[in-house]
Amino acid sequence: MSLRLRFTLLYSIFMGGILLIFGAAVYILVNVILLNQVDSMLAVVVRDIAQVTKVNAMGELNLISLPPLDMTSNAYVQVWGQDGKLIATSPSIASLTQSLDPAGLDAGLSIYQDSYLNGAHLRVLSVPLQVNTRPIGALQVGASLSVVDATRGNLLSMMTIIAVIAVLLAGLGSWIILGRALSPLEAIAETVDQINRADDLSRRIPYQERAEKDDEIGDLIVSFNQTLERLESLFTSQQRFLADVSHELRTPLTVIKGNVDLIRRMKQADEESLSSIDQEAGRLTRLVGGLLMLAQAESGKLTLVLAPVELDLLLTEVFIEMRVLAGNKIHVHLNEIDQVMVNGDRDRLKQVILNLASNAIQYTPQNGDVYLSLAKIGDQARIIIRDTGPGIPAEDLPHIFDRFYRAEKSRTRSTTSGFGLGLSIAHWIVEHHGGQIQVESKEGKGTTFVIWLGIIK
């Protein structure tokens, strides 16, 4: 059974239940009002008869002076003696010799009861007659309930017809409204099915008019489209990653294989071939190490050993190592350095600074400059690594920390490789130290990386 049909049946049953309760309340209320009106009329007739009734000195009922019993055409009156004999009756039932209500006649107290007499439905008030607490007979006044029964029957029929029509309209309206309300769910199911059949994550659920509506289904569509967008981005990143890794692995493996073939042909190993093999093997090791580190970071298995770290000493170490790496090609400067203590993993923080500084040296042309600085700004430490290289294109700048992102610009080693894994790893380390890493760059004017870390007060 579809969700639309289940909700339609639920709403119809709910509507039917409400109408049943409301109809029962109305029916009972109308019935009580009509019976009260009849009972009031019977009580008035009894009171009028009692006011004009007189008893002789002997107190005998057969000598009572009764008013004309046809004083009302809406009631039937019977007067019964103490011996159970009918003493007087209204002209309209003069031929009737049996009691209007035998049970009420024997009750010995004033009582209202429904009675059926010769197929007629009556409402009867039975009242005992007494003289000085001595019973002398009974008075019964009855009225036909045919009008009341007809009114109740008509009311019941009308409410039944109204209830049936209301339930049908509620069901039809619910079916139409639910069809429109749940149509986006069908679109979601259809989109998912199309994605499964075509492996096309670029598909999106159409908004139509729901873009301006603030409801749960609209929110579901937005969330689902965002999920599809995220999945598409991840899938594209994975494809780029496979392309990058394939290229990164293919190049050193080709070099290694070529040198091995050369050594085999020459039947001796020359120093240049062995050095080339060693360099490419080291490159492969670094690449695999970076991939393993990212995998550990994603799975939460990469832990940081936090302890107080003197950033000024750490930056001095990096500065010395970078001067050795740069040699005479690049000028490395240490502009300013403050004494700053932070809580962090010393090895990981050094890895970040080394990565950024080595990138700056790698992409800075000969006789260019690389500047390092450390300053205390408020309750934060600011590390700046600035170079005078070619800069990063504006369209690539927002993505340089994305994993597996490949840029086709001058900061890459070649037209097919990417920024590598170093920046992604650096970004992850800084973020998990509670800090931030920022970048500013203009083509032809160099690049500046800024690291912010909270200091120990």
Protein backbone atom coordinates (compact mmCIF):
# COMPACT_ATOMS: atom_id res chain seq x y z
CA MET A 1 0.00 0.00 0.00
CA SER A 2 1.44 3.36 -1.01
CA LEU A 3 2.17 6.11 1.49
CA ARG A 4 -0.35 8.36 -0.26
CA LEU A 5 -3.15 5.77 0.09
CA ARG A 6 -2.27 5.07 3.73
CA PHE A 7 -2.40 8.75 4.63
CA THR A 8 -5.67 9.19 2.70
CA LEU A 9 -7.29 6.30 4.59
CA LEU A 10 -5.93 7.65 7.87
CA TYR A 11 -7.34 11.13 7.26
CA SER A 12 -10.69 9.68 6.13
CA ILE A 13 -10.95 7.47 9.21
CA PHE A 14 -9.96 10.39 11.40
CA MET A 15 -12.60 12.59 9.79
CA GLY A 16 -15.20 9.84 10.13
CA GLY A 17 -14.37 9.43 13.81
CA ILE A 18 -14.73 13.15 14.45
CA LEU A 19 -18.06 13.27 12.62
CA LEU A 20 -19.26 10.18 14.53
CA ILE A 21 -18.48 11.78 17.87
CA PHE A 22 -19.98 15.10 16.83
CA GLY A 23 -23.11 13.43 15.38
CA ALA A 24 -23.62 11.33 18.50
CA ALA A 25 -23.36 14.44 20.68
CA VAL A 26 -25.85 16.36 18.50
CA TYR A 27 -28.25 13.41 18.38
CA ILE A 28 -28.21 12.96 22.16
CA LEU A 29 -28.60 16.71 22.75
CA VAL A 30 -31.57 17.02 20.38
CA ASN A 31 -33.18 13.92 21.91
CA VAL A 32 -32.80 15.32 25.43
CA ILE A 33 -34.21 18.72 24.40
CA LEU A 34 -37.26 17.17 22.68
CA LEU A 35 -37.99 14.83 25.61
CA ASN A 36 -37.63 17.71 28.06
CA GLN A 37 -40.15 19.69 26.08
CA VAL A 38 -42.63 16.77 26.15
CA ASP A 39 -41.99 16.19 29.87
CA SER A 40 -42.56 19.89 30.59
CA MET A 41 -45.83 19.81 28.68
CA LEU A 42 -46.97 16.73 30.64
CA ALA A 43 -46.06 18.36 33.94
CA VAL A 44 -48.06 21.48 33.05
CA VAL A 45 -51.12 19.34 32.22
CA VAL A 46 -50.82 17.48 35.56
CA ARG A 47 -50.48 20.78 37.42
CA ASP A 48 -53.53 22.30 35.68
CA ILE A 49 -55.64 19.22 36.49
CA ALA A 50 -54.46 19.22 40.11
CA GLN A 51 -55.37 22.88 40.57
CA VAL A 52 -59.03 22.44 39.59
CA THR A 53 -59.61 19.07 41.22
CA LYS A 54 -61.72 18.96 44.41
CA VAL A 55 -62.51 16.18 46.89
CA ASN A 56 -65.73 15.90 48.91
CA ALA A 57 -65.87 15.59 52.64
CA MET A 58 -65.66 11.81 52.42
CA GLY A 59 -62.42 12.06 50.40
CA GLU A 60 -63.65 9.54 47.89
CA LEU A 61 -62.21 9.71 44.40
CA ASN A 62 -65.39 8.76 42.64
CA LEU A 63 -66.89 11.95 43.97
CA ILE A 64 -64.04 14.15 42.73
CA SER A 65 -65.12 17.03 40.53
CA LEU A 66 -62.82 16.85 37.49
CA PRO A 67 -62.34 19.56 34.89
CA PRO A 68 -63.16 18.81 31.26
CA LEU A 69 -60.63 16.18 30.23
CA ASP A 70 -60.48 17.45 26.65
CA MET A 71 -58.82 20.65 27.90
CA THR A 72 -55.81 19.76 25.76
CA SER A 73 -55.66 17.94 22.52
CA ASN A 74 -51.93 17.18 22.92
CA ALA A 75 -52.27 14.90 25.92
CA TYR A 76 -54.08 11.73 26.89
CA VAL A 77 -55.40 11.64 30.46
CA GLN A 78 -56.51 8.72 32.62
CA VAL A 79 -57.68 8.76 36.25
CA TRP A 80 -57.46 5.47 38.15
CA GLY A 81 -59.04 4.62 41.49
CA GLN A 82 -57.30 2.99 44.38
CA ASP A 83 -59.01 -0.27 43.49
CA GLY A 84 -57.44 -0.20 40.01
CA LYS A 85 -60.58 0.84 38.18
CA LEU A 86 -60.57 3.49 35.46
CA ILE A 87 -62.57 6.41 36.81
CA ALA A 88 -62.20 8.99 34.06
CA THR A 89 -60.43 9.37 30.72
CA SER A 90 -59.99 12.02 28.04
CA PRO A 91 -62.48 11.87 25.13
CA SER A 92 -59.75 11.03 22.58
CA ILE A 93 -59.11 7.68 24.29
CA ALA A 94 -62.56 7.06 25.78
CA SER A 95 -62.65 3.58 24.31
CA LEU A 96 -59.28 2.63 25.84
CA THR A 97 -59.67 0.56 28.98
CA GLN A 98 -56.02 -0.37 29.61
CA SER A 99 -53.46 1.82 31.34
CA LEU A 100 -51.24 4.15 29.34
CA ASP A 101 -48.31 2.81 31.35
CA PRO A 102 -49.01 -0.26 33.53
CA ALA A 103 -45.54 -0.20 35.07
CA GLY A 104 -45.86 3.46 36.07
CA LEU A 105 -49.31 2.84 37.54
CA ASP A 106 -47.87 0.31 39.96
CA ALA A 107 -44.76 2.37 40.80
CA GLY A 108 -46.45 4.42 43.54
CA LEU A 109 -44.46 7.58 42.71
CA SER A 110 -44.27 10.25 40.05
CA ILE A 111 -42.37 8.82 37.11
CA TYR A 112 -41.75 9.53 33.41
CA GLN A 113 -41.57 6.49 31.16
CA ASP A 114 -41.78 5.53 27.51
CA SER A 115 -44.64 3.22 26.71
CA TYR A 116 -45.85 1.42 23.62
CA LEU A 117 -49.64 1.12 23.34
CA ASN A 118 -51.21 -0.57 20.32
CA GLY A 119 -48.05 0.21 18.31
CA ALA A 120 -48.03 3.85 19.36
CA HIS A 121 -44.98 5.29 21.09
CA LEU A 122 -46.02 7.38 24.11
CA ARG A 123 -44.34 9.40 26.80
CA VAL A 124 -46.33 8.92 30.04
CA LEU A 125 -46.20 10.78 33.37
CA SER A 126 -47.73 8.75 36.20
CA VAL A 127 -48.61 10.69 39.41
CA PRO A 128 -50.15 9.13 42.58
CA LEU A 129 -53.15 11.02 44.07
CA GLN A 130 -53.23 11.41 47.87
CA VAL A 131 -55.33 13.05 50.56
CA ASN A 132 -53.39 13.71 53.76
CA THR A 133 -50.78 11.15 52.72
CA ARG A 134 -53.54 8.60 52.09
CA PRO A 135 -53.45 7.29 48.49
CA ILE A 136 -56.77 7.61 46.75
CA GLY A 137 -55.79 6.87 43.13
CA ALA A 138 -53.44 7.75 40.31
CA LEU A 139 -53.32 10.19 37.42
CA GLN A 140 -51.63 9.32 34.12
CA VAL A 141 -50.94 11.87 31.39
CA GLY A 142 -49.40 10.76 28.10
CA ALA A 143 -48.30 12.30 24.83
CA SER A 144 -47.43 10.79 21.48
CA LEU A 145 -43.74 10.73 20.53
CA SER A 146 -44.37 10.24 16.82
CA VAL A 147 -43.14 13.76 16.02
CA VAL A 148 -40.09 13.25 18.24
CA ASP A 149 -39.33 9.88 16.62
CA ALA A 150 -39.74 11.38 13.15
CA THR A 151 -37.45 14.27 14.07
CA ARG A 152 -34.83 11.91 15.45
CA GLY A 153 -35.07 9.68 12.39
CA ASN A 154 -34.73 12.61 10.00
CA LEU A 155 -31.82 13.99 12.02
CA LEU A 156 -30.06 10.62 12.00
CA SER A 157 -30.55 10.22 8.26
CA MET A 158 -29.36 13.74 7.56
CA MET A 159 -26.26 13.35 9.72
CA THR A 160 -25.47 10.00 8.11
CA ILE A 161 -25.69 11.49 4.62
CA ILE A 162 -23.61 14.52 5.66
CA ALA A 163 -21.01 12.26 7.32
CA VAL A 164 -20.70 10.03 4.26
CA ILE A 165 -20.35 13.03 1.93
CA ALA A 166 -17.86 14.69 4.30
CA VAL A 167 -15.72 11.54 4.54
CA LEU A 168 -15.75 11.12 0.76
CA LEU A 169 -14.80 14.78 0.24
CA ALA A 170 -12.11 14.50 2.92
CA GLY A 171 -10.73 11.39 1.25
CA LEU A 172 -10.78 13.00 -2.20
CA GLY A 173 -9.23 16.22 -0.90
CA SER A 174 -6.58 14.33 1.02
CA TRP A 175 -5.76 12.24 -2.05
CA ILE A 176 -5.30 15.36 -4.19
CA ILE A 177 -3.39 17.37 -1.58
CA LEU A 178 -1.18 14.45 -0.59
CA GLY A 179 -0.49 13.80 -4.26
CA ARG A 180 0.87 17.31 -4.63
CA ALA A 181 2.66 17.25 -1.27
CA LEU A 182 4.32 13.87 -1.86
CA SER A 183 5.17 14.42 -5.52
CA PRO A 184 8.71 15.59 -4.58
CA LEU A 185 9.25 12.22 -2.90
CA GLU A 186 8.42 10.56 -6.19
CA ALA A 187 10.89 12.91 -7.86
CA ILE A 188 13.52 11.90 -5.31
CA ALA A 189 12.88 8.21 -5.93
CA GLU A 190 12.97 8.75 -9.70
CA THR A 191 16.21 10.75 -9.47
CA VAL A 192 17.86 8.08 -7.31
CA ASP A 193 16.74 5.41 -9.75
CA GLN A 194 18.17 7.37 -12.68
CA ILE A 195 21.44 7.84 -10.82
CA ASN A 196 21.62 4.12 -10.10
CA ARG A 197 20.94 3.24 -13.72
CA ALA A 198 23.20 5.83 -15.33
CA ASP A 199 25.81 6.43 -12.57
CA ASP A 200 25.22 10.14 -13.14
CA LEU A 201 25.72 12.17 -9.94
CA SER A 202 25.15 15.44 -11.80
CA ARG A 203 21.38 14.99 -11.66
CA ARG A 204 19.41 17.14 -9.21
CA ILE A 205 15.83 17.13 -7.94
CA PRO A 206 13.96 20.05 -9.54
CA TYR A 207 12.79 22.73 -7.11
CA GLN A 208 9.86 24.05 -9.15
CA GLU A 209 7.89 26.28 -6.76
CA ARG A 210 9.23 24.66 -3.62
CA ALA A 211 12.30 26.86 -3.56
CA GLU A 212 10.23 29.54 -1.82
CA LYS A 213 8.45 27.18 0.54
CA ASP A 214 9.68 26.48 4.05
CA ASP A 215 8.49 22.97 4.79
CA GLU A 216 9.96 19.58 5.60
CA ILE A 217 9.82 18.25 2.04
CA GLY A 218 11.47 21.40 0.70
CA ASP A 219 14.20 21.00 3.30
CA LEU A 220 14.55 17.35 2.29
CA ILE A 221 15.01 18.34 -1.36
CA VAL A 222 17.65 20.91 -0.45
CA SER A 223 19.49 18.42 1.78
CA PHE A 224 19.30 15.68 -0.84
CA ASN A 225 20.62 17.98 -3.58
CA GLN A 226 23.42 19.08 -1.27
CA THR A 227 24.24 15.43 -0.61
CA LEU A 228 24.31 14.73 -4.34
CA GLU A 229 26.55 17.74 -4.87
CA ARG A 230 28.88 16.53 -2.14
CA LEU A 231 28.95 13.00 -3.55
CA GLU A 232 29.66 14.34 -7.03
CA SER A 233 32.50 16.46 -5.65
CA LEU A 234 33.95 13.50 -3.76
CA PHE A 235 33.61 11.25 -6.79
CA THR A 236 35.32 13.84 -8.99
CA SER A 237 38.05 14.25 -6.37
CA GLN A 238 38.57 10.50 -6.30
CA GLN A 239 38.88 10.47 -10.09
CA ARG A 240 41.42 13.29 -9.93
CA PHE A 241 43.22 11.44 -7.16
CA LEU A 242 43.48 8.27 -9.24
CA ALA A 243 44.78 10.29 -12.19
CA ASP A 244 47.33 12.12 -10.03
CA VAL A 245 48.53 9.01 -8.24
CA SER A 246 48.76 7.13 -11.52
CA HIS A 247 50.94 9.87 -12.93
CA GLU A 248 53.03 10.25 -9.77
CA LEU A 249 53.65 6.50 -9.62
CA ARG A 250 54.18 6.00 -13.34
CA THR A 251 56.97 8.57 -13.67
CA PRO A 252 59.37 7.25 -10.99
CA LEU A 253 58.61 3.65 -11.89
CA THR A 254 59.47 4.41 -15.53
CA VAL A 255 62.74 6.04 -14.48
CA ILE A 256 63.61 3.12 -12.19
CA LYS A 257 62.77 0.57 -14.90
CA GLY A 258 64.83 2.46 -17.49
CA ASN A 259 67.88 2.63 -15.24
CA VAL A 260 67.57 -1.04 -14.34
CA ASP A 261 67.41 -1.94 -18.05
CA LEU A 262 70.46 0.25 -18.67
CA ILE A 263 72.41 -1.44 -15.88
CA ARG A 264 71.39 -4.86 -17.19
CA ARG A 265 72.62 -4.00 -20.72
CA MET A 266 75.84 -2.50 -19.47
CA LYS A 267 76.26 -5.30 -16.93
CA GLN A 268 77.53 -2.83 -14.40
CA ALA A 269 75.96 -0.17 -12.17
CA ASP A 270 77.13 3.40 -12.68
CA GLU A 271 76.77 6.00 -9.96
CA GLU A 272 74.35 8.20 -11.95
CA SER A 273 71.87 5.35 -12.51
CA LEU A 274 72.01 4.29 -8.86
CA SER A 275 71.49 7.91 -7.74
CA SER A 276 68.50 8.29 -10.05
CA ILE A 277 66.97 5.05 -8.76
CA ASP A 278 67.52 6.19 -5.18
CA GLN A 279 65.87 9.57 -5.82
CA GLU A 280 62.84 8.08 -7.50
CA ALA A 281 62.49 5.42 -4.79
CA GLY A 282 62.59 8.18 -2.18
CA ARG A 283 59.93 10.07 -4.11
CA LEU A 284 57.72 6.99 -4.14
CA THR A 285 58.27 6.53 -0.42
CA ARG A 286 57.24 10.11 0.30
CA LEU A 287 54.15 9.78 -1.89
CA VAL A 288 53.03 6.56 -0.23
CA GLY A 289 53.78 8.02 3.19
CA GLY A 290 51.63 11.05 2.42
CA LEU A 291 48.76 8.87 1.24
CA LEU A 292 48.98 6.70 4.36
CA MET A 293 49.00 9.77 6.57
CA LEU A 294 45.88 11.18 4.89
CA ALA A 295 44.16 7.81 5.27
CA GLN A 296 45.04 7.74 8.97
CA ALA A 297 43.81 11.32 9.39
CA GLU A 298 40.49 10.51 7.72
CA SER A 299 39.98 7.39 9.86
CA GLY A 300 40.89 9.20 13.08
CA LYS A 301 43.91 6.97 13.73
CA LEU A 302 46.44 9.79 13.39
CA THR A 303 46.96 11.09 16.91
CA LEU A 304 48.77 14.25 17.99
CA VAL A 305 51.13 14.20 20.97
CA LEU A 306 50.48 17.59 22.54
CA ALA A 307 53.08 19.27 24.74
CA PRO A 308 54.49 22.79 25.23
CA VAL A 309 56.46 23.81 22.12
CA GLU A 310 58.85 26.79 21.81
CA LEU A 311 57.93 28.08 18.37
CA ASP A 312 60.92 30.46 18.20
CA LEU A 313 63.38 27.55 18.56
CA LEU A 314 61.35 25.47 16.10
CA LEU A 315 61.32 28.23 13.48
CA THR A 316 65.09 28.74 13.97
CA GLU A 317 65.68 25.06 13.20
CA VAL A 318 63.56 25.30 10.04
CA PHE A 319 65.41 28.48 9.01
CA ILE A 320 68.81 26.76 9.30
CA GLU A 321 67.62 23.71 7.34
CA MET A 322 66.04 25.86 4.63
CA ARG A 323 69.24 27.86 4.15
CA VAL A 324 71.06 24.60 3.53
CA LEU A 325 68.33 23.46 1.12
CA ALA A 326 68.29 26.78 -0.76
CA GLY A 327 72.07 26.96 -1.13
CA ASN A 328 73.13 29.84 -3.30
CA LYS A 329 70.01 29.73 -5.45
CA ILE A 330 67.50 31.35 -3.05
CA HIS A 331 67.98 33.89 -0.27
CA VAL A 332 66.20 32.81 2.93
CA HIS A 333 65.53 35.57 5.51
CA LEU A 334 64.33 35.51 9.13
CA ASN A 335 62.63 38.87 9.48
CA GLU A 336 61.46 38.81 13.10
CA ILE A 337 61.07 36.25 15.81
CA ASP A 338 59.34 36.50 19.20
CA GLN A 339 59.52 34.07 22.06
CA VAL A 340 56.21 32.18 21.84
CA MET A 341 55.06 29.00 23.57
CA VAL A 342 52.18 26.91 22.19
CA ASN A 343 50.62 23.58 23.09
CA GLY A 344 51.09 21.19 20.17
CA ASP A 345 52.83 18.27 18.52
CA ARG A 346 56.35 19.53 17.80
CA ASP A 347 57.10 17.09 14.99
CA ARG A 348 53.83 17.80 13.18
CA LEU A 349 54.20 21.57 13.52
CA LYS A 350 57.73 21.34 12.15
CA GLN A 351 56.40 19.23 9.28
CA VAL A 352 53.92 22.01 8.41
CA ILE A 353 56.53 24.79 8.44
CA LEU A 354 59.07 22.68 6.54
CA ASN A 355 56.48 21.83 3.89
CA LEU A 356 55.46 25.44 3.33
CA ALA A 357 59.06 26.70 3.37
CA SER A 358 60.31 23.99 0.99
CA ASN A 359 57.43 24.76 -1.40
CA ALA A 360 58.40 28.44 -1.28
CA ILE A 361 62.00 27.60 -2.13
CA GLN A 362 60.96 25.16 -4.86
CA TYR A 363 58.72 27.64 -6.70
CA THR A 364 60.83 30.75 -6.21
CA PRO A 365 63.11 31.55 -9.18
CA GLN A 366 66.89 31.85 -8.80
CA ASN A 367 68.07 34.79 -6.72
CA GLY A 368 64.54 35.13 -5.33
CA ASP A 369 63.73 35.62 -1.64
CA VAL A 370 61.87 33.60 0.98
CA TYR A 371 60.94 35.29 4.27
CA LEU A 372 60.13 33.64 7.61
CA SER A 373 58.76 35.45 10.66
CA LEU A 374 57.14 34.72 14.02
CA ALA A 375 55.19 37.28 16.01
CA LYS A 376 52.93 37.32 19.03
CA ILE A 377 49.60 38.98 18.18
CA GLY A 378 47.32 39.19 21.20
CA ASP A 379 46.75 35.65 22.45
CA GLN A 380 47.86 34.06 19.18
CA ALA A 381 51.12 33.22 17.46
CA ARG A 382 51.47 34.25 13.82
CA ILE A 383 53.91 32.45 11.52
CA ILE A 384 54.47 33.92 8.03
CA ILE A 385 56.15 32.16 5.11
CA ARG A 386 56.42 34.50 2.10
CA ASP A 387 58.13 34.01 -1.25
CA THR A 388 58.70 36.05 -4.39
CA GLY A 389 57.75 33.27 -6.78
CA PRO A 390 55.24 33.26 -9.67
CA GLY A 391 52.22 33.13 -7.36
CA ILE A 392 49.08 31.02 -7.53
CA PRO A 393 46.31 31.70 -10.09
CA ALA A 394 43.15 33.18 -8.58
CA GLU A 395 40.97 30.33 -9.85
CA ASP A 396 43.17 27.76 -8.08
CA LEU A 397 43.64 29.66 -4.82
CA PRO A 398 40.38 28.51 -3.12
CA HIS A 399 41.25 24.86 -3.79
CA ILE A 400 44.91 24.53 -2.87
CA PHE A 401 44.09 22.81 0.45
CA ASP A 402 41.67 20.37 -1.19
CA ARG A 403 42.89 16.84 -1.22
CA PHE A 404 43.70 15.49 -4.67
CA TYR A 405 43.06 18.88 -6.29
CA ARG A 406 45.09 19.25 -9.49
CA ALA A 407 46.00 22.63 -10.89
CA GLU A 408 47.28 23.22 -14.39
CA LYS A 409 49.39 26.26 -13.48
CA SER A 410 52.92 27.35 -12.83
CA ARG A 411 53.23 26.22 -9.21
CA THR A 412 52.88 22.59 -10.27
CA ARG A 413 55.84 20.49 -11.21
CA SER A 414 54.27 19.66 -14.55
CA THR A 415 51.07 20.20 -16.48
CA THR A 416 49.61 16.94 -15.24
CA SER A 417 50.50 16.83 -11.54
CA GLY A 418 48.82 18.69 -8.72
CA PHE A 419 49.82 20.66 -5.63
CA GLY A 420 50.54 17.31 -3.99
CA LEU A 421 49.44 16.08 -0.62
CA GLY A 422 51.62 18.37 1.49
CA LEU A 423 49.18 21.29 1.70
CA SER A 424 46.27 19.02 2.58
CA ILE A 425 48.32 17.43 5.35
CA ALA A 426 49.48 20.86 6.60
CA HIS A 427 45.89 22.13 6.67
CA TRP A 428 44.73 19.09 8.65
CA ILE A 429 47.55 19.44 11.22
CA VAL A 430 46.95 23.16 11.81
CA GLU A 431 43.17 22.72 12.12
CA HIS A 432 43.61 19.91 14.66
CA HIS A 433 45.82 22.21 16.70
CA GLY A 434 42.88 24.61 16.91
CA GLY A 435 44.54 27.05 14.53
CA GLN A 436 44.08 28.45 11.05
CA ILE A 437 46.15 28.53 7.90
CA GLN A 438 45.58 31.29 5.35
CA VAL A 439 47.04 32.09 1.96
CA GLU A 440 47.33 35.23 -0.15
CA SER A 441 48.81 35.24 -3.63
CA LYS A 442 48.99 37.30 -6.80
CA GLU A 443 50.41 36.01 -10.03
CA GLY A 444 53.89 37.39 -10.62
CA LYS A 445 54.18 38.83 -7.08
CA GLY A 446 54.60 35.79 -4.88
CA THR A 447 52.65 33.91 -2.25
CA THR A 448 52.20 34.36 1.51
CA PHE A 449 51.10 31.63 3.92
CA VAL A 450 50.02 32.67 7.43
CA ILE A 451 49.60 30.21 10.32
CA TRP A 452 47.69 31.19 13.47
CA LEU A 453 48.04 29.17 16.66
CA GLY A 454 46.81 29.79 20.19
CA ILE A 455 49.61 30.52 22.68
CA ILE A 456 50.04 29.28 26.25
CA LYS A 457 49.28 32.13 28.64
